[in-house]
N, C-alpha and C. Protein backbone atom coordinates (compact mmCIF):
# COMPACT_ATOMS: atom_id res chain seq x y z
N MET A 1 0.68 -1.31 -0.36
CA MET A 1 0.11 0.11 0.09
C MET A 1 0.87 0.90 -0.25
N LYS A 2 0.55 2.33 -0.91
CA LYS A 2 1.64 3.32 -1.22
C LYS A 2 1.09 4.73 0.70
N SER A 3 2.08 4.81 0.66
CA SER A 3 2.19 5.66 1.72
C SER A 3 1.51 7.41 1.21
N LYS A 4 0.95 8.25 2.40
CA LYS A 4 0.42 9.26 2.11
C LYS A 4 1.82 10.19 1.07
N ASN A 5 2.79 10.37 1.32
CA ASN A 5 3.83 11.38 0.69
C ASN A 5 3.79 10.49 -1.03
N GLU A 6 3.84 9.20 -1.19
CA GLU A 6 4.47 8.63 -2.12
C GLU A 6 2.69 8.84 -3.34
N ASN A 7 1.70 8.91 -2.85
CA ASN A 7 0.17 8.87 -3.31
C ASN A 7 0.16 10.71 -3.69
N ALA A 8 0.76 11.35 -2.78
CA ALA A 8 0.77 12.93 -3.16
C ALA A 8 1.70 13.20 -4.04
N ARG A 9 2.73 12.36 -4.19
CA ARG A 9 3.95 12.70 -5.28
C ARG A 9 3.37 12.53 -6.36
N GLY A 10 2.68 11.13 -6.64
CA GLY A 10 2.17 10.44 -8.24
C GLY A 10 1.37 11.08 -8.48
N LYS A 11 0.58 12.38 -7.37
CA LYS A 11 -0.63 13.00 -7.71
C LYS A 11 -0.04 14.47 -8.93
N LEU A 12 1.22 14.81 -8.23
CA LEU A 12 1.72 15.85 -8.50
C LEU A 12 2.51 15.68 -9.59
N GLU A 13 3.17 14.46 -10.10
CA GLU A 13 3.46 14.04 -11.26
C GLU A 13 2.65 14.23 -12.22
N ASN A 14 1.36 13.06 -12.16
CA ASN A 14 -0.16 13.32 -13.19
C ASN A 14 0.01 14.86 -13.20
N PHE A 15 0.23 15.97 -12.24
CA PHE A 15 -0.52 17.19 -12.49
C PHE A 15 0.42 17.62 -13.79
N PHE A 16 1.59 17.60 -13.62
CA PHE A 16 2.48 17.89 -14.19
C PHE A 16 3.39 16.73 -15.32
N SER A 17 2.16 16.38 -16.16
CA SER A 17 2.88 15.42 -16.89
C SER A 17 3.21 15.92 -18.49
N PHE A 18 3.99 15.54 -19.32
CA PHE A 18 4.20 15.94 -20.72
C PHE A 18 2.43 16.06 -21.23
N LYS A 19 1.80 14.76 -21.38
CA LYS A 19 0.62 15.08 -21.60
C LYS A 19 -0.49 15.98 -21.44
N ARG A 20 0.14 16.41 -20.28
CA ARG A 20 -1.34 17.42 -19.61
C ARG A 20 -0.48 18.83 -20.19
N ILE A 21 0.53 19.16 -20.36
CA ILE A 21 1.82 20.36 -20.12
C ILE A 21 1.62 20.44 -21.84
N GLY A 22 1.51 19.96 -22.50
CA GLY A 22 1.05 19.24 -23.92
C GLY A 22 -0.29 19.89 -24.35
N ARG A 23 -1.31 19.30 -23.62
CA ARG A 23 -2.76 19.35 -24.09
C ARG A 23 -2.69 21.13 -23.37
N LEU A 24 -2.11 21.31 -22.58
CA LEU A 24 -2.45 23.13 -21.91
C LEU A 24 -1.46 23.87 -23.25
N ILE A 25 -0.55 23.59 -23.58
CA ILE A 25 0.11 23.95 -25.00
C ILE A 25 -0.95 24.39 -26.13
N PHE A 26 -1.16 23.47 -26.78
CA PHE A 26 -1.84 23.28 -27.19
C PHE A 26 -3.57 24.39 -27.32
N ASN A 27 -3.99 24.30 -26.47
CA ASN A 27 -4.93 24.77 -25.88
C ASN A 27 -4.93 26.23 -25.85
N ILE A 28 -3.54 26.95 -26.05
CA ILE A 28 -2.65 28.22 -25.59
C ILE A 28 -2.71 28.35 -26.93
N LEU A 29 -2.36 27.80 -27.57
CA LEU A 29 -1.97 28.47 -29.15
C LEU A 29 -3.11 27.99 -29.78
N LEU A 30 -4.60 27.61 -29.33
CA LEU A 30 -5.88 27.94 -30.18
C LEU A 30 -6.42 28.99 -29.83
N ILE A 31 -6.22 28.81 -28.20
CA ILE A 31 -7.43 30.42 -27.52
C ILE A 31 -6.44 31.91 -28.20
N LEU A 32 -4.75 31.93 -28.33
CA LEU A 32 -4.74 32.87 -28.72
C LEU A 32 -4.91 33.65 -30.37
N PRO A 33 -5.10 32.86 -31.29
CA PRO A 33 -5.76 33.74 -31.90
C PRO A 33 -7.31 33.45 -32.01
N GLY A 34 -8.07 33.06 -31.33
CA GLY A 34 -9.74 32.95 -31.32
C GLY A 34 -9.87 33.88 -30.52
N LEU A 35 -8.64 34.30 -29.47
CA LEU A 35 -9.04 35.62 -28.75
C LEU A 35 -8.73 37.05 -29.88
N PHE A 36 -7.83 36.68 -30.62
CA PHE A 36 -7.22 38.01 -31.73
C PHE A 36 -9.03 38.15 -32.42
N PHE A 37 -9.11 37.17 -33.41
CA PHE A 37 -10.25 37.20 -33.44
C PHE A 37 -11.59 37.38 -32.95
N LEU A 38 -11.73 37.49 -32.04
CA LEU A 38 -13.06 37.74 -31.49
C LEU A 38 -12.74 39.24 -31.55
N PHE A 39 -11.40 39.94 -30.69
CA PHE A 39 -11.19 41.25 -30.30
C PHE A 39 -11.15 41.88 -31.68
N THR A 40 -11.07 41.39 -33.19
CA THR A 40 -11.08 42.13 -33.94
C THR A 40 -12.66 42.44 -34.82
N GLY A 41 -13.44 41.73 -34.26
CA GLY A 41 -14.62 41.50 -34.31
C GLY A 41 -15.50 42.09 -33.99
N PHE A 42 -14.85 42.86 -33.25
CA PHE A 42 -15.63 43.46 -31.83
C PHE A 42 -15.41 45.17 -32.30
N GLN A 43 -13.92 45.31 -32.51
CA GLN A 43 -13.43 46.44 -32.49
C GLN A 43 -13.95 46.70 -33.99
N TRP A 44 -14.77 45.86 -34.90
CA TRP A 44 -15.26 46.11 -36.18
C TRP A 44 -16.24 47.01 -35.44
N LEU A 45 -17.18 46.45 -34.85
CA LEU A 45 -18.79 46.77 -34.40
C LEU A 45 -17.93 48.53 -33.51
N VAL A 46 -17.22 48.23 -32.65
CA VAL A 46 -17.31 49.70 -31.61
C VAL A 46 -16.30 50.48 -32.09
N THR A 47 -15.20 50.45 -33.03
CA THR A 47 -14.36 51.42 -33.49
C THR A 47 -13.99 50.63 -34.96
N PRO A 48 -14.66 51.04 -35.85
CA PRO A 48 -14.57 50.72 -37.27
C PRO A 48 -13.30 51.34 -37.99
N GLU A 49 -13.17 52.48 -37.32
CA GLU A 49 -12.10 53.56 -37.84
C GLU A 49 -10.72 52.59 -37.76
N SER A 50 -10.35 51.77 -36.39
CA SER A 50 -9.36 51.31 -36.32
C SER A 50 -9.60 49.77 -37.01
N GLY A 51 -10.80 49.31 -36.70
CA GLY A 51 -10.28 47.97 -37.80
C GLY A 51 -10.38 47.75 -38.94
N ALA A 52 -10.64 49.52 -39.91
CA ALA A 52 -10.22 49.46 -40.89
C ALA A 52 -8.50 49.67 -41.25
N SER A 53 -8.63 50.54 -40.30
CA SER A 53 -6.55 51.59 -40.32
C SER A 53 -5.75 49.74 -40.30
N ALA A 54 -6.58 48.59 -38.97
CA ALA A 54 -5.51 47.12 -39.18
C ALA A 54 -5.31 46.44 -40.51
N LEU A 55 -6.33 47.12 -41.09
CA LEU A 55 -6.28 46.13 -42.03
C LEU A 55 -6.00 46.87 -43.99
N THR A 56 -5.23 47.61 -43.31
CA THR A 56 -4.52 48.62 -44.39
C THR A 56 -5.74 48.84 -45.54
N MET A 57 -7.14 49.08 -45.01
CA MET A 57 -8.37 49.79 -46.17
C MET A 57 -8.62 50.98 -45.76
N PRO A 58 -9.68 51.87 -46.67
CA PRO A 58 -10.61 53.04 -45.79
C PRO A 58 -11.42 52.38 -45.38
N LEU A 59 -12.13 53.41 -44.43
CA LEU A 59 -13.80 53.04 -44.36
C LEU A 59 -14.51 53.85 -45.06
N LEU A 60 -15.77 52.97 -45.15
CA LEU A 60 -16.42 53.29 -46.21
C LEU A 60 -17.44 54.48 -45.26
N SER A 61 -18.28 54.85 -46.32
CA SER A 61 -19.79 55.32 -45.92
C SER A 61 -20.83 54.63 -46.59
N GLY A 62 -21.79 55.19 -45.32
CA GLY A 62 -23.54 54.80 -46.18
C GLY A 62 -23.37 53.08 -46.50
N ALA A 63 -23.74 52.77 -47.23
CA ALA A 63 -24.22 51.16 -46.79
C ALA A 63 -22.92 50.65 -47.12
N GLY A 64 -21.85 50.90 -47.58
CA GLY A 64 -20.51 50.01 -48.04
C GLY A 64 -20.18 50.12 -46.18
N LEU A 65 -19.90 51.09 -45.80
CA LEU A 65 -19.98 50.82 -44.31
C LEU A 65 -20.15 50.12 -43.76
N GLY A 66 -21.65 49.55 -43.81
CA GLY A 66 -22.45 48.80 -43.47
C GLY A 66 -22.62 47.17 -43.01
N SER A 67 -22.05 47.30 -45.00
CA SER A 67 -21.09 46.10 -45.68
C SER A 67 -19.89 46.04 -44.95
N GLN A 68 -19.06 46.73 -44.52
CA GLN A 68 -17.89 46.33 -44.26
C GLN A 68 -17.81 45.91 -42.58
N ILE A 69 -18.63 47.08 -41.44
CA ILE A 69 -18.95 46.37 -40.27
C ILE A 69 -19.23 45.37 -40.40
N GLY A 70 -20.59 45.04 -40.84
CA GLY A 70 -21.06 43.41 -41.22
C GLY A 70 -20.24 42.01 -41.58
N ASP A 71 -19.72 42.52 -42.42
CA ASP A 71 -18.98 41.30 -43.16
C ASP A 71 -17.75 41.07 -42.64
N ILE A 72 -17.17 41.57 -42.37
CA ILE A 72 -15.74 41.83 -41.74
C ILE A 72 -15.55 41.50 -40.49
N GLY A 73 -16.56 42.17 -39.65
CA GLY A 73 -16.66 41.97 -38.44
C GLY A 73 -17.25 41.11 -37.98
N GLY A 74 -18.42 40.28 -38.79
CA GLY A 74 -18.60 38.86 -38.38
C GLY A 74 -18.20 38.22 -38.59
N LEU A 75 -17.43 38.11 -39.94
CA LEU A 75 -16.07 36.98 -40.56
C LEU A 75 -15.21 36.86 -39.11
N PHE A 76 -14.35 37.60 -38.70
CA PHE A 76 -13.59 37.69 -37.47
C PHE A 76 -14.59 37.32 -36.31
N LEU A 77 -15.88 38.30 -35.88
CA LEU A 77 -16.18 37.46 -34.93
C LEU A 77 -17.07 36.15 -34.81
N GLY A 78 -17.31 35.42 -36.00
CA GLY A 78 -17.54 33.91 -36.32
C GLY A 78 -16.52 33.06 -36.17
N MET A 79 -15.15 33.44 -36.62
CA MET A 79 -13.89 32.51 -36.99
C MET A 79 -13.51 32.30 -35.19
N GLY A 80 -13.42 33.51 -34.26
CA GLY A 80 -13.70 33.51 -33.30
C GLY A 80 -14.11 32.40 -32.14
N LEU A 81 -15.42 32.62 -32.58
CA LEU A 81 -16.52 31.87 -31.88
C LEU A 81 -16.21 30.40 -32.37
N LEU A 82 -15.80 29.94 -33.65
CA LEU A 82 -16.04 28.78 -34.12
C LEU A 82 -14.91 28.18 -33.29
N ILE A 83 -13.16 28.91 -33.15
CA ILE A 83 -12.05 28.17 -32.06
C ILE A 83 -12.62 28.01 -30.88
N MET A 84 -13.34 29.22 -30.50
CA MET A 84 -13.51 28.91 -29.30
C MET A 84 -14.29 27.11 -28.66
N GLY A 85 -15.10 27.49 -29.38
CA GLY A 85 -16.17 26.18 -30.01
C GLY A 85 -15.35 24.90 -29.75
N ALA A 86 -14.38 24.86 -30.17
CA ALA A 86 -13.90 23.96 -31.12
C ALA A 86 -13.17 23.62 -29.62
N VAL A 87 -12.11 24.34 -29.16
CA VAL A 87 -11.64 24.42 -27.98
C VAL A 87 -12.21 23.51 -26.67
N ILE A 88 -13.87 24.09 -26.55
CA ILE A 88 -14.82 24.14 -25.26
C ILE A 88 -14.94 22.10 -25.51
N THR A 89 -15.65 22.12 -27.20
CA THR A 89 -16.39 20.89 -27.28
C THR A 89 -15.26 19.73 -27.74
N ARG A 90 -14.07 20.14 -28.45
CA ARG A 90 -13.35 18.94 -29.17
C ARG A 90 -13.83 18.58 -30.49
N LYS A 91 -14.60 19.79 -30.38
CA LYS A 91 -15.33 19.04 -32.01
C LYS A 91 -14.16 19.49 -33.42
N ARG A 92 -13.59 19.02 -33.90
CA ARG A 92 -12.49 19.13 -34.54
C ARG A 92 -13.12 19.72 -36.01
N ASP A 93 -14.23 19.52 -36.57
CA ASP A 93 -15.15 20.47 -37.48
C ASP A 93 -15.16 21.94 -37.30
N LEU A 94 -15.39 22.12 -36.41
CA LEU A 94 -14.96 23.98 -35.90
C LEU A 94 -13.73 24.31 -36.17
N LEU A 95 -12.96 23.90 -36.05
CA LEU A 95 -10.74 23.69 -36.46
C LEU A 95 -11.18 24.30 -37.63
N LEU A 96 -12.01 22.90 -38.83
CA LEU A 96 -11.82 23.18 -40.15
C LEU A 96 -12.31 23.43 -40.62
N SER A 97 -13.23 24.10 -39.99
CA SER A 97 -14.44 25.17 -40.91
C SER A 97 -13.55 26.98 -41.09
N VAL A 98 -12.67 27.03 -39.91
CA VAL A 98 -12.17 28.16 -39.93
C VAL A 98 -10.76 27.85 -40.40
N ALA A 99 -10.50 26.88 -41.09
CA ALA A 99 -9.10 26.54 -41.72
C ALA A 99 -9.63 26.75 -43.78
N VAL A 100 -10.29 26.53 -43.74
CA VAL A 100 -11.62 26.40 -45.11
C VAL A 100 -11.28 28.05 -45.46
N ILE A 101 -11.93 28.82 -43.79
CA ILE A 101 -12.28 30.26 -44.97
C ILE A 101 -11.20 30.75 -44.67
N LEU A 102 -10.28 30.53 -43.78
CA LEU A 102 -8.72 31.10 -44.32
C LEU A 102 -8.24 31.00 -45.19
N SER A 103 -8.36 29.63 -45.91
CA SER A 103 -8.02 29.44 -46.91
C SER A 103 -8.83 30.26 -48.39
N CYS A 104 -9.40 30.26 -48.29
CA CYS A 104 -10.57 31.09 -48.82
C CYS A 104 -10.59 32.27 -48.99
N ILE A 105 -9.96 33.11 -48.53
CA ILE A 105 -9.95 34.25 -47.86
C ILE A 105 -8.11 34.67 -49.01
N ALA A 106 -7.22 33.71 -48.44
CA ALA A 106 -5.68 33.70 -48.67
C ALA A 106 -5.91 33.69 -50.54
N ALA A 107 -6.84 32.67 -51.01
CA ALA A 107 -7.27 32.08 -52.52
C ALA A 107 -7.71 33.62 -52.64
N TYR A 108 -8.56 34.26 -52.74
CA TYR A 108 -9.58 35.23 -53.29
C TYR A 108 -8.50 36.62 -53.02
N ARG A 109 -7.28 36.91 -52.01
CA ARG A 109 -6.32 37.78 -51.99
C ARG A 109 -5.75 37.29 -53.53
N VAL A 110 -5.44 36.50 -53.78
CA VAL A 110 -4.42 36.16 -54.71
C VAL A 110 -5.40 36.54 -56.31
N LEU A 111 -6.64 35.68 -56.34
CA LEU A 111 -7.42 36.33 -57.30
C LEU A 111 -7.28 37.45 -57.27
N ALA A 112 -7.56 37.67 -56.62
CA ALA A 112 -7.88 39.95 -56.66
C ALA A 112 -6.71 40.60 -57.29
N PHE A 113 -5.62 39.80 -56.98
CA PHE A 113 -4.46 40.72 -57.41
C PHE A 113 -4.03 40.60 -59.08
N THR A 114 -4.62 39.13 -58.95
CA THR A 114 -4.42 38.25 -60.81
C THR A 114 -5.59 39.14 -61.76
N LEU A 115 -6.67 39.15 -61.15
CA LEU A 115 -7.97 39.27 -62.31
C LEU A 115 -8.15 40.93 -61.94
N HIS A 116 -7.91 41.43 -60.98
CA HIS A 116 -8.43 42.60 -60.56
C HIS A 116 -7.37 43.34 -60.37
N ASP A 117 -5.88 43.35 -60.38
CA ASP A 117 -4.92 44.49 -60.26
C ASP A 117 -4.88 45.45 -58.67
N ALA A 118 -5.96 44.09 -58.04
CA ALA A 118 -5.53 44.67 -56.32
C ALA A 118 -4.05 44.39 -56.35
N THR A 119 -3.71 45.41 -54.79
CA THR A 119 -2.69 45.18 -54.31
C THR A 119 -2.57 43.94 -53.46
N LEU A 120 -1.45 43.14 -53.59
CA LEU A 120 -1.13 42.18 -53.27
C LEU A 120 -0.42 41.86 -52.16
N ILE A 121 -0.84 41.46 -50.80
CA ILE A 121 -0.27 41.99 -49.67
C ILE A 121 0.13 40.69 -48.95
N VAL A 122 1.41 40.32 -49.27
CA VAL A 122 2.10 39.16 -49.10
C VAL A 122 1.58 38.55 -47.54
N GLN A 123 1.44 39.41 -46.76
CA GLN A 123 1.98 39.31 -45.36
C GLN A 123 1.25 38.84 -44.80
N SER A 124 -0.15 39.20 -45.18
CA SER A 124 -1.09 39.10 -44.95
C SER A 124 -1.68 37.16 -45.84
N ILE A 125 -1.48 37.10 -47.39
CA ILE A 125 -1.82 35.91 -47.33
C ILE A 125 -1.08 35.20 -46.42
N ALA A 126 0.39 35.08 -45.83
CA ALA A 126 1.48 34.61 -45.74
C ALA A 126 0.97 34.06 -44.27
N ILE A 127 0.31 35.16 -43.45
CA ILE A 127 -0.33 34.89 -42.04
C ILE A 127 -1.42 33.89 -42.34
N GLU A 128 -2.58 34.17 -43.41
CA GLU A 128 -3.94 33.41 -43.64
C GLU A 128 -2.92 31.77 -43.99
N ILE A 129 -2.03 31.89 -44.52
CA ILE A 129 -2.35 30.53 -45.07
C ILE A 129 -1.30 29.65 -43.54
N VAL A 130 -0.22 30.35 -43.02
CA VAL A 130 -0.11 29.64 -41.74
C VAL A 130 -1.12 28.96 -40.93
N LEU A 131 -2.30 30.07 -40.51
CA LEU A 131 -2.99 30.16 -39.76
C LEU A 131 -4.34 28.51 -39.89
N ALA A 132 -4.48 29.04 -41.83
CA ALA A 132 -5.07 27.58 -41.88
C ALA A 132 -4.51 26.39 -41.86
N PHE A 133 -3.24 26.06 -42.24
CA PHE A 133 -2.73 25.44 -42.04
C PHE A 133 -2.60 24.93 -40.50
N TRP A 134 -2.27 25.36 -39.98
CA TRP A 134 -2.20 25.48 -38.50
C TRP A 134 -3.42 24.77 -37.70
N PHE A 135 -4.80 24.98 -37.88
CA PHE A 135 -5.81 25.03 -37.81
C PHE A 135 -6.31 23.65 -38.32
N PHE A 136 -6.22 23.54 -39.30
CA PHE A 136 -6.19 21.79 -40.23
C PHE A 136 -5.18 20.85 -39.08
N ILE A 137 -3.84 21.30 -38.80
CA ILE A 137 -3.06 20.45 -38.41
C ILE A 137 -3.92 19.92 -36.90
N ALA A 138 -4.20 21.68 -36.35
CA ALA A 138 -4.56 20.91 -34.69
C ALA A 138 -6.10 20.23 -35.28
N SER A 139 -7.09 20.19 -36.04
CA SER A 139 -7.93 19.60 -36.15
C SER A 139 -7.58 18.15 -35.90
N ILE A 140 -6.65 17.79 -36.67
CA ILE A 140 -5.92 16.18 -36.61
C ILE A 140 -6.02 16.21 -35.36
N LYS A 141 -5.53 16.56 -34.62
CA LYS A 141 -4.61 16.63 -33.37
C LYS A 141 -5.80 16.63 -32.41
N LEU A 142 -6.80 17.02 -32.24
CA LEU A 142 -7.72 17.42 -31.72
C LEU A 142 -9.05 16.04 -31.97
N SER A 143 -8.91 15.41 -32.97
CA SER A 143 -9.63 14.40 -33.41
C SER A 143 -8.94 12.91 -33.07
N LYS A 144 -7.59 13.37 -32.57
CA LYS A 144 -7.04 12.22 -31.89
C LYS A 144 -7.00 12.30 -30.38
N ILE A 145 -7.18 13.39 -29.25
CA ILE A 145 -7.66 13.67 -28.36
C ILE A 145 -9.20 13.24 -28.20
N GLU A 146 -9.91 13.46 -29.33
CA GLU A 146 -11.40 13.21 -29.05
C GLU A 146 -11.19 11.26 -28.66
N MET A 147 -10.51 10.64 -29.76
CA MET A 147 -10.57 9.21 -29.23
C MET A 147 -10.53 9.14 -28.58
N THR A 148 -9.55 9.24 -27.91
CA THR A 148 -8.70 8.96 -26.46
C THR A 148 -9.43 9.16 -25.47
N GLU A 149 -10.11 9.89 -25.13
CA GLU A 149 -10.92 10.60 -24.24
C GLU A 149 -12.57 9.99 -24.20
């Protein structure tokens, strides 16, 4: 039979296990971009000027302003909610949805440059591709975690 010290030590080792620390880091790496997306979505609602400035675009007026706030703010808010939902529910499909959305955004940026002579913002495309790849990989990892629980 184990003594109280051995039992307490075993609980402490379990608490600081590589598996547990790995899951914590995994969740943090999901939550950080999720918080960024949520913040950006709310930023478009509260201070659309700073939202437009952060995305290097002019702030429109009238119906264009409504479209900017609704479409862009809703897009960021939705992606943030999908990520947080994935962290809470452990459903990989939510992360796959974000990966698909980011991939489409990156593809449309390239197509806008190619077809309509829009400015190509390589930094934005790179970030979108890296995040899409991360969420795709994270969705695979999340499905493995789902299977073990």
